[in-house]
Amino acid sequence: MKIRLEDILEEPTEANFSATAEAVNERLAEGRHEAGEFRLGNALAVDVRYYRAGEDLYFDGSLASTVRASCARCLGEYRLPLKTPFQFVLAPAAPQEADHELVADDLALSYFSGTEIDLEPLCSEQAILALPTRALCSEDCKGLCPVCGNDRNASPCRCETAQPDPRWAALREWKPPAS
């Protein structure tokens, strides 16, 4: 959804739109997430309210969708509901000076230029930021057996997974002198 700058007034305006799942999934693929770790299953529903205060543009609202995820421990696929609020401020892009040094305030804002604001990439970014840092089907997921590959959530395996303490290796090899 694109909004012309002249249509953003001091009075708040509400809008609803859907960002395509493909657009969000493309951003996920190019970002920090492993390929296939998270994928949007359906369109991203966006409810947004926007207004202007001076030259700054304020946006707030909520995002909703269903995310398909692949568990990092057991590799099982599960669905994760995504419903999160968001808010961000856009300031007009200042002309860049060659010797201008960035300060903390420069990093806190996002900037815009041109005659319109495209909300789809901004809302896609907010959806990605709302995802967990690690995909887990549950906090107590037992994962896969490192020996046989069995899913420990489905059934326990009898593999020996305890590794001996390497600090005692020399004593395990020690044989007492023959008498």
N, C-alpha and C. Protein backbone atom coordinates (compact mmCIF):
# COMPACT_ATOMS: atom_id res chain seq x y z
N MET A 1 0.85 -1.17 0.00
CA MET A 1 0.00 0.00 0.00
C MET A 1 0.90 1.23 0.00
N LYS A 2 0.65 2.09 -0.93
CA LYS A 2 1.41 3.33 -1.02
C LYS A 2 0.51 4.50 -0.64
N ILE A 3 1.07 5.42 0.14
CA ILE A 3 0.34 6.59 0.58
C ILE A 3 1.09 7.82 0.10
N ARG A 4 0.39 8.71 -0.58
CA ARG A 4 1.02 9.95 -1.00
C ARG A 4 1.23 10.85 0.21
N LEU A 5 2.35 11.55 0.24
CA LEU A 5 2.67 12.41 1.38
C LEU A 5 1.59 13.46 1.61
N GLU A 6 1.02 13.98 0.55
CA GLU A 6 -0.01 15.02 0.69
C GLU A 6 -1.30 14.48 1.32
N ASP A 7 -1.46 13.13 1.34
CA ASP A 7 -2.64 12.52 1.95
C ASP A 7 -2.45 12.22 3.44
N ILE A 8 -1.24 12.42 3.96
CA ILE A 8 -0.98 12.20 5.38
C ILE A 8 -1.18 13.53 6.10
N LEU A 9 -2.26 13.61 6.87
CA LEU A 9 -2.66 14.85 7.52
C LEU A 9 -2.36 14.80 9.01
N GLU A 10 -2.62 15.92 9.71
CA GLU A 10 -2.44 15.95 11.15
C GLU A 10 -3.50 15.13 11.87
N GLU A 11 -4.63 14.94 11.24
CA GLU A 11 -5.69 14.10 11.80
C GLU A 11 -5.37 12.64 11.49
N PRO A 12 -5.44 11.74 12.47
CA PRO A 12 -5.13 10.33 12.20
C PRO A 12 -6.10 9.72 11.17
N THR A 13 -5.53 8.91 10.31
CA THR A 13 -6.30 8.19 9.29
C THR A 13 -6.05 6.71 9.49
N GLU A 14 -7.10 5.91 9.38
CA GLU A 14 -6.96 4.46 9.52
C GLU A 14 -7.09 3.80 8.17
N ALA A 15 -6.36 2.70 8.00
CA ALA A 15 -6.41 1.94 6.75
C ALA A 15 -6.14 0.48 7.05
N ASN A 16 -6.61 -0.38 6.17
CA ASN A 16 -6.36 -1.82 6.25
C ASN A 16 -5.86 -2.27 4.89
N PHE A 17 -4.89 -3.18 4.88
CA PHE A 17 -4.42 -3.76 3.63
C PHE A 17 -3.76 -5.10 3.92
N SER A 18 -3.45 -5.83 2.88
CA SER A 18 -2.76 -7.11 3.01
C SER A 18 -1.45 -7.05 2.25
N ALA A 19 -0.38 -7.44 2.92
CA ALA A 19 0.92 -7.59 2.26
C ALA A 19 1.01 -9.04 1.82
N THR A 20 1.46 -9.27 0.62
CA THR A 20 1.51 -10.64 0.12
C THR A 20 2.52 -11.48 0.89
N ALA A 21 2.20 -12.75 1.04
CA ALA A 21 3.12 -13.67 1.74
C ALA A 21 4.43 -13.77 0.99
N GLU A 22 4.40 -13.71 -0.35
CA GLU A 22 5.63 -13.82 -1.14
C GLU A 22 6.59 -12.69 -0.83
N ALA A 23 6.06 -11.48 -0.67
CA ALA A 23 6.93 -10.33 -0.39
C ALA A 23 7.63 -10.50 0.96
N VAL A 24 6.90 -10.96 1.96
CA VAL A 24 7.49 -11.15 3.28
C VAL A 24 8.47 -12.32 3.25
N ASN A 25 8.10 -13.40 2.57
CA ASN A 25 8.99 -14.58 2.49
C ASN A 25 10.29 -14.26 1.77
N GLU A 26 10.24 -13.39 0.76
CA GLU A 26 11.47 -12.97 0.07
C GLU A 26 12.39 -12.23 1.04
N ARG A 27 11.80 -11.36 1.86
CA ARG A 27 12.60 -10.61 2.84
C ARG A 27 13.17 -11.55 3.89
N LEU A 28 12.40 -12.58 4.27
CA LEU A 28 12.92 -13.57 5.22
C LEU A 28 14.10 -14.32 4.64
N ALA A 29 14.02 -14.66 3.36
CA ALA A 29 15.08 -15.43 2.71
C ALA A 29 16.37 -14.62 2.62
N GLU A 30 16.28 -13.31 2.46
CA GLU A 30 17.49 -12.50 2.34
C GLU A 30 18.00 -12.01 3.69
N GLY A 31 17.27 -12.29 4.75
CA GLY A 31 17.66 -11.80 6.07
C GLY A 31 18.44 -12.80 6.88
N ARG A 32 18.33 -12.68 8.17
CA ARG A 32 19.13 -13.48 9.09
C ARG A 32 18.62 -14.89 9.27
N HIS A 33 17.40 -15.17 8.85
CA HIS A 33 16.81 -16.48 9.09
C HIS A 33 17.32 -17.51 8.10
N GLU A 34 17.50 -18.73 8.61
CA GLU A 34 17.87 -19.85 7.75
C GLU A 34 16.78 -20.02 6.70
N ALA A 35 17.15 -20.49 5.52
CA ALA A 35 16.16 -20.72 4.47
C ALA A 35 15.15 -21.74 4.97
N GLY A 36 13.89 -21.37 4.97
CA GLY A 36 12.83 -22.29 5.36
C GLY A 36 12.55 -22.32 6.85
N GLU A 37 13.31 -21.63 7.67
CA GLU A 37 13.06 -21.64 9.11
C GLU A 37 11.69 -21.05 9.41
N PHE A 38 11.36 -19.91 8.81
CA PHE A 38 10.06 -19.27 8.94
C PHE A 38 9.53 -18.96 7.55
N ARG A 39 8.24 -19.18 7.33
CA ARG A 39 7.57 -18.81 6.09
C ARG A 39 6.15 -18.37 6.41
N LEU A 40 5.72 -17.27 5.84
CA LEU A 40 4.35 -16.84 6.02
C LEU A 40 3.45 -17.77 5.24
N GLY A 41 2.42 -18.29 5.89
CA GLY A 41 1.51 -19.21 5.24
C GLY A 41 0.43 -18.50 4.44
N ASN A 42 0.04 -17.32 4.89
CA ASN A 42 -0.97 -16.55 4.17
C ASN A 42 -0.61 -15.07 4.25
N ALA A 43 -1.39 -14.24 3.62
CA ALA A 43 -1.08 -12.81 3.54
C ALA A 43 -0.98 -12.19 4.94
N LEU A 44 -0.23 -11.12 5.02
CA LEU A 44 -0.06 -10.38 6.26
C LEU A 44 -1.13 -9.31 6.33
N ALA A 45 -2.07 -9.47 7.27
CA ALA A 45 -3.16 -8.49 7.43
C ALA A 45 -2.64 -7.33 8.26
N VAL A 46 -2.79 -6.12 7.75
CA VAL A 46 -2.25 -4.93 8.41
C VAL A 46 -3.38 -3.94 8.67
N ASP A 47 -3.49 -3.53 9.93
CA ASP A 47 -4.36 -2.43 10.33
C ASP A 47 -3.43 -1.31 10.76
N VAL A 48 -3.54 -0.16 10.12
CA VAL A 48 -2.59 0.92 10.39
C VAL A 48 -3.32 2.23 10.60
N ARG A 49 -2.75 3.05 11.46
CA ARG A 49 -3.22 4.41 11.69
C ARG A 49 -2.01 5.31 11.45
N TYR A 50 -2.18 6.37 10.69
CA TYR A 50 -1.05 7.24 10.39
C TYR A 50 -1.47 8.70 10.45
N TYR A 51 -0.48 9.54 10.79
CA TYR A 51 -0.71 10.98 10.85
C TYR A 51 0.63 11.70 10.78
N ARG A 52 0.55 12.99 10.66
CA ARG A 52 1.73 13.85 10.53
C ARG A 52 1.80 14.77 11.74
N ALA A 53 3.02 14.98 12.23
CA ALA A 53 3.28 15.98 13.28
C ALA A 53 4.50 16.76 12.80
N GLY A 54 4.26 17.95 12.30
CA GLY A 54 5.34 18.72 11.67
C GLY A 54 5.73 18.01 10.39
N GLU A 55 7.01 17.68 10.25
CA GLU A 55 7.45 16.96 9.06
C GLU A 55 7.58 15.46 9.29
N ASP A 56 7.48 15.03 10.57
CA ASP A 56 7.59 13.62 10.89
C ASP A 56 6.27 12.90 10.65
N LEU A 57 6.37 11.64 10.23
CA LEU A 57 5.19 10.82 9.95
C LEU A 57 5.13 9.69 10.97
N TYR A 58 3.98 9.51 11.59
CA TYR A 58 3.80 8.51 12.64
C TYR A 58 2.87 7.41 12.14
N PHE A 59 3.26 6.16 12.40
CA PHE A 59 2.48 5.00 12.00
C PHE A 59 2.37 4.06 13.20
N ASP A 60 1.17 3.56 13.45
CA ASP A 60 1.01 2.52 14.45
C ASP A 60 -0.15 1.64 14.03
N GLY A 61 -0.16 0.41 14.55
CA GLY A 61 -1.21 -0.52 14.20
C GLY A 61 -0.87 -1.93 14.64
N SER A 62 -1.42 -2.90 13.90
CA SER A 62 -1.16 -4.30 14.23
C SER A 62 -1.04 -5.12 12.96
N LEU A 63 -0.31 -6.23 13.09
CA LEU A 63 -0.08 -7.18 12.01
C LEU A 63 -0.62 -8.53 12.45
N ALA A 64 -1.17 -9.30 11.50
CA ALA A 64 -1.65 -10.64 11.84
C ALA A 64 -1.45 -11.57 10.64
N SER A 65 -1.03 -12.79 10.93
CA SER A 65 -0.86 -13.82 9.92
C SER A 65 -0.59 -15.14 10.63
N THR A 66 -0.35 -16.17 9.86
CA THR A 66 0.08 -17.45 10.38
C THR A 66 1.42 -17.77 9.76
N VAL A 67 2.37 -18.16 10.61
CA VAL A 67 3.71 -18.46 10.16
C VAL A 67 3.94 -19.96 10.25
N ARG A 68 4.47 -20.53 9.19
CA ARG A 68 4.90 -21.93 9.23
C ARG A 68 6.37 -21.91 9.58
N ALA A 69 6.73 -22.73 10.56
CA ALA A 69 8.11 -22.73 11.02
C ALA A 69 8.63 -24.16 11.10
N SER A 70 9.93 -24.30 11.01
CA SER A 70 10.61 -25.58 11.13
C SER A 70 11.42 -25.54 12.43
N CYS A 71 11.10 -26.43 13.37
CA CYS A 71 11.72 -26.43 14.69
C CYS A 71 13.23 -26.64 14.58
N ALA A 72 13.99 -25.87 15.31
CA ALA A 72 15.45 -25.95 15.28
C ALA A 72 15.97 -27.20 16.00
N ARG A 73 15.15 -27.81 16.85
CA ARG A 73 15.61 -29.01 17.58
C ARG A 73 15.18 -30.31 16.91
N CYS A 74 13.88 -30.42 16.55
CA CYS A 74 13.39 -31.69 16.02
C CYS A 74 13.10 -31.65 14.51
N LEU A 75 13.23 -30.49 13.89
CA LEU A 75 13.00 -30.27 12.47
C LEU A 75 11.55 -30.45 12.06
N GLY A 76 10.66 -30.62 13.02
CA GLY A 76 9.23 -30.76 12.72
C GLY A 76 8.63 -29.41 12.33
N GLU A 77 7.66 -29.45 11.43
CA GLU A 77 7.00 -28.21 11.02
C GLU A 77 5.83 -27.94 11.95
N TYR A 78 5.64 -26.69 12.31
CA TYR A 78 4.52 -26.28 13.16
C TYR A 78 4.03 -24.91 12.72
N ARG A 79 2.86 -24.53 13.19
CA ARG A 79 2.28 -23.23 12.87
C ARG A 79 2.39 -22.32 14.08
N LEU A 80 2.71 -21.08 13.79
CA LEU A 80 2.89 -20.08 14.82
C LEU A 80 1.99 -18.89 14.49
N PRO A 81 1.02 -18.57 15.36
CA PRO A 81 0.21 -17.38 15.07
C PRO A 81 1.04 -16.11 15.27
N LEU A 82 0.92 -15.19 14.35
CA LEU A 82 1.64 -13.93 14.44
C LEU A 82 0.61 -12.82 14.57
N LYS A 83 0.58 -12.20 15.71
CA LYS A 83 -0.29 -11.04 15.94
C LYS A 83 0.50 -10.10 16.82
N THR A 84 0.88 -8.99 16.27
CA THR A 84 1.76 -8.09 17.01
C THR A 84 1.44 -6.63 16.69
N PRO A 85 1.56 -5.77 17.68
CA PRO A 85 1.42 -4.33 17.42
C PRO A 85 2.73 -3.79 16.88
N PHE A 86 2.66 -2.64 16.23
CA PHE A 86 3.87 -1.98 15.74
C PHE A 86 3.69 -0.48 15.80
N GLN A 87 4.80 0.21 15.79
CA GLN A 87 4.79 1.66 15.62
C GLN A 87 6.17 2.09 15.15
N PHE A 88 6.17 3.07 14.28
CA PHE A 88 7.43 3.63 13.82
C PHE A 88 7.20 5.06 13.35
N VAL A 89 8.30 5.80 13.30
CA VAL A 89 8.29 7.20 12.90
C VAL A 89 9.23 7.35 11.71
N LEU A 90 8.78 8.08 10.72
CA LEU A 90 9.62 8.39 9.56
C LEU A 90 9.88 9.88 9.54
N ALA A 91 11.12 10.25 9.38
CA ALA A 91 11.52 11.66 9.30
C ALA A 91 12.02 11.93 7.89
N PRO A 92 11.90 13.18 7.43
CA PRO A 92 12.41 13.48 6.09
C PRO A 92 13.92 13.24 6.03
N ALA A 93 14.35 12.68 4.93
CA ALA A 93 15.78 12.40 4.76
C ALA A 93 16.54 13.71 4.68
N ALA A 94 17.55 13.83 5.53
CA ALA A 94 18.37 15.03 5.54
C ALA A 94 19.46 14.88 4.49
N PRO A 95 19.88 15.97 3.87
CA PRO A 95 20.99 15.86 2.92
C PRO A 95 22.25 15.36 3.62
N GLN A 96 22.91 14.41 3.02
CA GLN A 96 24.11 13.81 3.62
C GLN A 96 25.32 14.68 3.37
N GLU A 97 26.01 14.98 4.44
CA GLU A 97 27.25 15.74 4.34
C GLU A 97 28.39 14.73 4.33
N ALA A 98 29.42 15.00 3.57
CA ALA A 98 30.54 14.07 3.44
C ALA A 98 31.23 13.82 4.77
N ASP A 99 31.34 14.84 5.62
CA ASP A 99 32.05 14.66 6.88
C ASP A 99 31.10 14.51 8.07
N HIS A 100 29.82 14.23 7.80
CA HIS A 100 28.83 14.06 8.86
C HIS A 100 29.04 12.72 9.57
N GLU A 101 29.19 12.77 10.88
CA GLU A 101 29.37 11.56 11.67
C GLU A 101 28.03 11.15 12.27
N LEU A 102 27.71 9.85 12.21
CA LEU A 102 26.46 9.36 12.77
C LEU A 102 26.47 9.46 14.29
N VAL A 103 25.32 9.86 14.84
CA VAL A 103 25.13 9.88 16.28
C VAL A 103 23.98 8.95 16.62
N ALA A 104 23.78 8.66 17.90
CA ALA A 104 22.75 7.71 18.32
C ALA A 104 21.36 8.11 17.83
N ASP A 105 21.06 9.41 17.82
CA ASP A 105 19.74 9.86 17.37
C ASP A 105 19.50 9.54 15.90
N ASP A 106 20.55 9.51 15.09
CA ASP A 106 20.41 9.17 13.67
C ASP A 106 19.96 7.72 13.49
N LEU A 107 20.37 6.84 14.40
CA LEU A 107 20.04 5.43 14.28
C LEU A 107 18.64 5.11 14.80
N ALA A 108 18.06 5.99 15.60
CA ALA A 108 16.75 5.74 16.19
C ALA A 108 15.60 6.02 15.21
N LEU A 109 15.87 6.74 14.15
CA LEU A 109 14.81 7.12 13.21
C LEU A 109 14.99 6.41 11.87
N SER A 110 13.88 6.27 11.18
CA SER A 110 13.92 5.84 9.79
C SER A 110 13.58 7.08 8.96
N TYR A 111 14.06 7.10 7.75
CA TYR A 111 13.89 8.29 6.92
C TYR A 111 13.11 7.97 5.66
N PHE A 112 12.49 9.00 5.10
CA PHE A 112 11.78 8.85 3.83
C PHE A 112 12.21 9.95 2.89
N SER A 113 12.04 9.67 1.62
CA SER A 113 12.24 10.68 0.59
C SER A 113 11.26 10.38 -0.52
N GLY A 114 11.03 11.31 -1.37
CA GLY A 114 10.08 11.11 -2.45
C GLY A 114 8.72 11.67 -2.10
N THR A 115 7.72 11.28 -2.89
CA THR A 115 6.38 11.84 -2.73
C THR A 115 5.38 10.85 -2.15
N GLU A 116 5.83 9.61 -1.89
CA GLU A 116 4.91 8.64 -1.30
C GLU A 116 5.66 7.66 -0.40
N ILE A 117 4.90 7.03 0.49
CA ILE A 117 5.45 6.05 1.43
C ILE A 117 4.86 4.69 1.06
N ASP A 118 5.73 3.71 0.84
CA ASP A 118 5.29 2.34 0.56
C ASP A 118 5.30 1.59 1.89
N LEU A 119 4.12 1.25 2.40
CA LEU A 119 4.02 0.61 3.71
C LEU A 119 4.33 -0.88 3.68
N GLU A 120 4.23 -1.54 2.53
CA GLU A 120 4.43 -2.99 2.49
C GLU A 120 5.81 -3.42 2.99
N PRO A 121 6.93 -2.83 2.52
CA PRO A 121 8.22 -3.27 3.06
C PRO A 121 8.42 -2.89 4.52
N LEU A 122 7.84 -1.77 4.95
CA LEU A 122 7.97 -1.36 6.35
C LEU A 122 7.22 -2.33 7.27
N CYS A 123 6.03 -2.75 6.85
CA CYS A 123 5.25 -3.69 7.65
C CYS A 123 5.85 -5.09 7.58
N SER A 124 6.43 -5.47 6.45
CA SER A 124 7.12 -6.76 6.36
C SER A 124 8.27 -6.80 7.35
N GLU A 125 8.99 -5.71 7.45
CA GLU A 125 10.10 -5.61 8.39
C GLU A 125 9.61 -5.76 9.82
N GLN A 126 8.48 -5.14 10.14
CA GLN A 126 7.92 -5.25 11.49
C GLN A 126 7.51 -6.69 11.80
N ALA A 127 6.96 -7.40 10.82
CA ALA A 127 6.58 -8.80 11.01
C ALA A 127 7.81 -9.65 11.27
N ILE A 128 8.88 -9.41 10.54
CA ILE A 128 10.12 -10.18 10.72
C ILE A 128 10.71 -9.91 12.10
N LEU A 129 10.65 -8.67 12.55
CA LEU A 129 11.17 -8.33 13.87
C LEU A 129 10.36 -8.98 14.99
N ALA A 130 9.10 -9.31 14.73
CA ALA A 130 8.24 -9.93 15.74
C ALA A 130 8.46 -11.44 15.87
N LEU A 131 9.19 -12.04 14.94
CA LEU A 131 9.42 -13.48 14.98
C LEU A 131 10.40 -13.83 16.10
N PRO A 132 10.27 -15.03 16.68
CA PRO A 132 11.24 -15.43 17.71
C PRO A 132 12.63 -15.59 17.10
N THR A 133 13.64 -15.48 17.92
CA THR A 133 15.01 -15.60 17.42
C THR A 133 15.35 -17.03 17.02
N ARG A 134 14.67 -17.99 17.63
CA ARG A 134 14.90 -19.40 17.31
C ARG A 134 13.57 -20.11 17.22
N ALA A 135 13.35 -20.84 16.15
CA ALA A 135 12.09 -21.55 15.95
C ALA A 135 12.07 -22.82 16.80
N LEU A 136 11.16 -22.88 17.77
CA LEU A 136 10.99 -24.06 18.60
C LEU A 136 9.51 -24.42 18.64
N CYS A 137 9.20 -25.70 18.37
CA CYS A 137 7.80 -26.13 18.40
C CYS A 137 7.24 -26.05 19.81
N SER A 138 8.08 -26.25 20.83
CA SER A 138 7.72 -26.04 22.23
C SER A 138 9.01 -25.86 23.02
N GLU A 139 8.89 -25.22 24.17
CA GLU A 139 10.08 -24.97 24.99
C GLU A 139 10.71 -26.26 25.47
N ASP A 140 9.90 -27.32 25.66
CA ASP A 140 10.43 -28.59 26.15
C ASP A 140 10.66 -29.61 25.04
N CYS A 141 10.86 -29.15 23.81
CA CYS A 141 11.14 -30.05 22.69
C CYS A 141 12.44 -30.82 22.97
N LYS A 142 12.38 -32.13 22.82
CA LYS A 142 13.54 -32.98 23.12
C LYS A 142 14.49 -33.11 21.95
N GLY A 143 14.07 -32.74 20.77
CA GLY A 143 14.94 -32.75 19.60
C GLY A 143 15.18 -34.14 19.03
N LEU A 144 16.20 -34.23 18.20
CA LEU A 144 16.58 -35.48 17.54
C LEU A 144 17.73 -36.14 18.28
N CYS A 145 17.76 -37.45 18.25
CA CYS A 145 18.88 -38.19 18.84
C CYS A 145 20.11 -37.96 17.95
N PRO A 146 21.24 -37.57 18.53
CA PRO A 146 22.44 -37.34 17.71
C PRO A 146 23.05 -38.62 17.16
N VAL A 147 22.65 -39.78 17.68
CA VAL A 147 23.22 -41.05 17.23
C VAL A 147 22.39 -41.65 16.10
N CYS A 148 21.07 -41.85 16.35
CA CYS A 148 20.23 -42.54 15.35
C CYS A 148 19.30 -41.61 14.59
N GLY A 149 19.14 -40.36 15.04
CA GLY A 149 18.27 -39.42 14.34
C GLY A 149 16.80 -39.54 14.69
N ASN A 150 16.45 -40.34 15.66
CA ASN A 150 15.07 -40.53 16.09
C ASN A 150 14.53 -39.25 16.71
N ASP A 151 13.26 -38.95 16.43
CA ASP A 151 12.60 -37.80 17.06
C ASP A 151 12.26 -38.19 18.49
N ARG A 152 12.94 -37.62 19.46
CA ARG A 152 12.74 -37.97 20.87
C ARG A 152 11.39 -37.54 21.41
N ASN A 153 10.68 -36.64 20.71
CA ASN A 153 9.34 -36.26 21.13
C ASN A 153 8.34 -37.38 20.83
N ALA A 154 8.56 -38.10 19.73
CA ALA A 154 7.65 -39.17 19.33
C ALA A 154 7.88 -40.43 20.15
N SER A 155 9.12 -40.83 20.33
CA SER A 155 9.43 -42.03 21.12
C SER A 155 10.89 -41.96 21.57
N PRO A 156 11.17 -42.47 22.77
CA PRO A 156 12.55 -42.46 23.23
C PRO A 156 13.37 -43.52 22.49
N CYS A 157 14.65 -43.27 22.38
CA CYS A 157 15.52 -44.27 21.76
C CYS A 157 16.46 -44.83 22.82
N ARG A 158 17.11 -45.91 22.51
CA ARG A 158 17.98 -46.58 23.47
C ARG A 158 19.47 -46.31 23.18
N CYS A 159 19.74 -45.31 22.41
CA CYS A 159 21.13 -45.01 22.06
C CYS A 159 21.89 -44.47 23.26
N GLU A 160 23.14 -44.82 23.31
CA GLU A 160 24.02 -44.29 24.36
C GLU A 160 24.51 -42.93 23.89
N THR A 161 24.07 -41.87 24.54
CA THR A 161 24.48 -40.53 24.12
C THR A 161 25.43 -39.87 25.10
N ALA A 162 25.60 -40.48 26.27
CA ALA A 162 26.51 -39.89 27.26
C ALA A 162 27.95 -40.09 26.79
N GLN A 163 28.67 -39.03 26.70
CA GLN A 163 30.08 -39.07 26.31
C GLN A 163 30.93 -39.06 27.57
N PRO A 164 31.95 -39.90 27.64
CA PRO A 164 32.81 -39.88 28.82
C PRO A 164 33.58 -38.56 28.90
N ASP A 165 33.90 -38.20 30.11
CA ASP A 165 34.63 -36.97 30.35
C ASP A 165 36.06 -37.12 29.80
N PRO A 166 36.47 -36.29 28.84
CA PRO A 166 37.79 -36.45 28.23
C PRO A 166 38.94 -36.21 29.20
N ARG A 167 38.69 -35.56 30.30
CA ARG A 167 39.77 -35.31 31.27
C ARG A 167 40.25 -36.60 31.93
N TRP A 168 39.41 -37.65 31.92
CA TRP A 168 39.77 -38.92 32.55
C TRP A 168 40.28 -39.95 31.54
N ALA A 169 40.49 -39.56 30.30
CA ALA A 169 40.91 -40.50 29.26
C ALA A 169 42.23 -41.19 29.60
N ALA A 170 43.18 -40.48 30.15
CA ALA A 170 44.48 -41.08 30.49
C ALA A 170 44.33 -42.17 31.55
N LEU A 171 43.43 -41.97 32.49
CA LEU A 171 43.24 -42.98 33.53
C LEU A 171 42.51 -44.22 33.00
N ARG A 172 41.63 -44.02 32.02
CA ARG A 172 40.94 -45.18 31.44
C ARG A 172 41.92 -46.08 30.70
N GLU A 173 42.96 -45.52 30.14
CA GLU A 173 43.96 -46.29 29.40
C GLU A 173 45.06 -46.86 30.30
N TRP A 174 45.12 -46.40 31.53
CA TRP A 174 46.17 -46.84 32.45
C TRP A 174 45.92 -48.29 32.89
N LYS A 175 46.92 -49.07 32.80
CA LYS A 175 46.85 -50.46 33.25
C LYS A 175 47.83 -50.59 34.41
N PRO A 176 47.41 -51.24 35.50
CA PRO A 176 48.36 -51.40 36.63
C PRO A 176 49.50 -52.32 36.21
N PRO A 177 50.67 -52.09 36.79
CA PRO A 177 51.83 -52.94 36.45
C PRO A 177 51.56 -54.40 36.83
N ALA A 178 52.02 -55.29 35.98
CA ALA A 178 51.82 -56.72 36.25
C ALA A 178 52.71 -57.13 37.42
N SER A 179 52.17 -57.93 38.32
CA SER A 179 52.99 -58.34 39.44
C SER A 179 53.51 -59.75 39.29
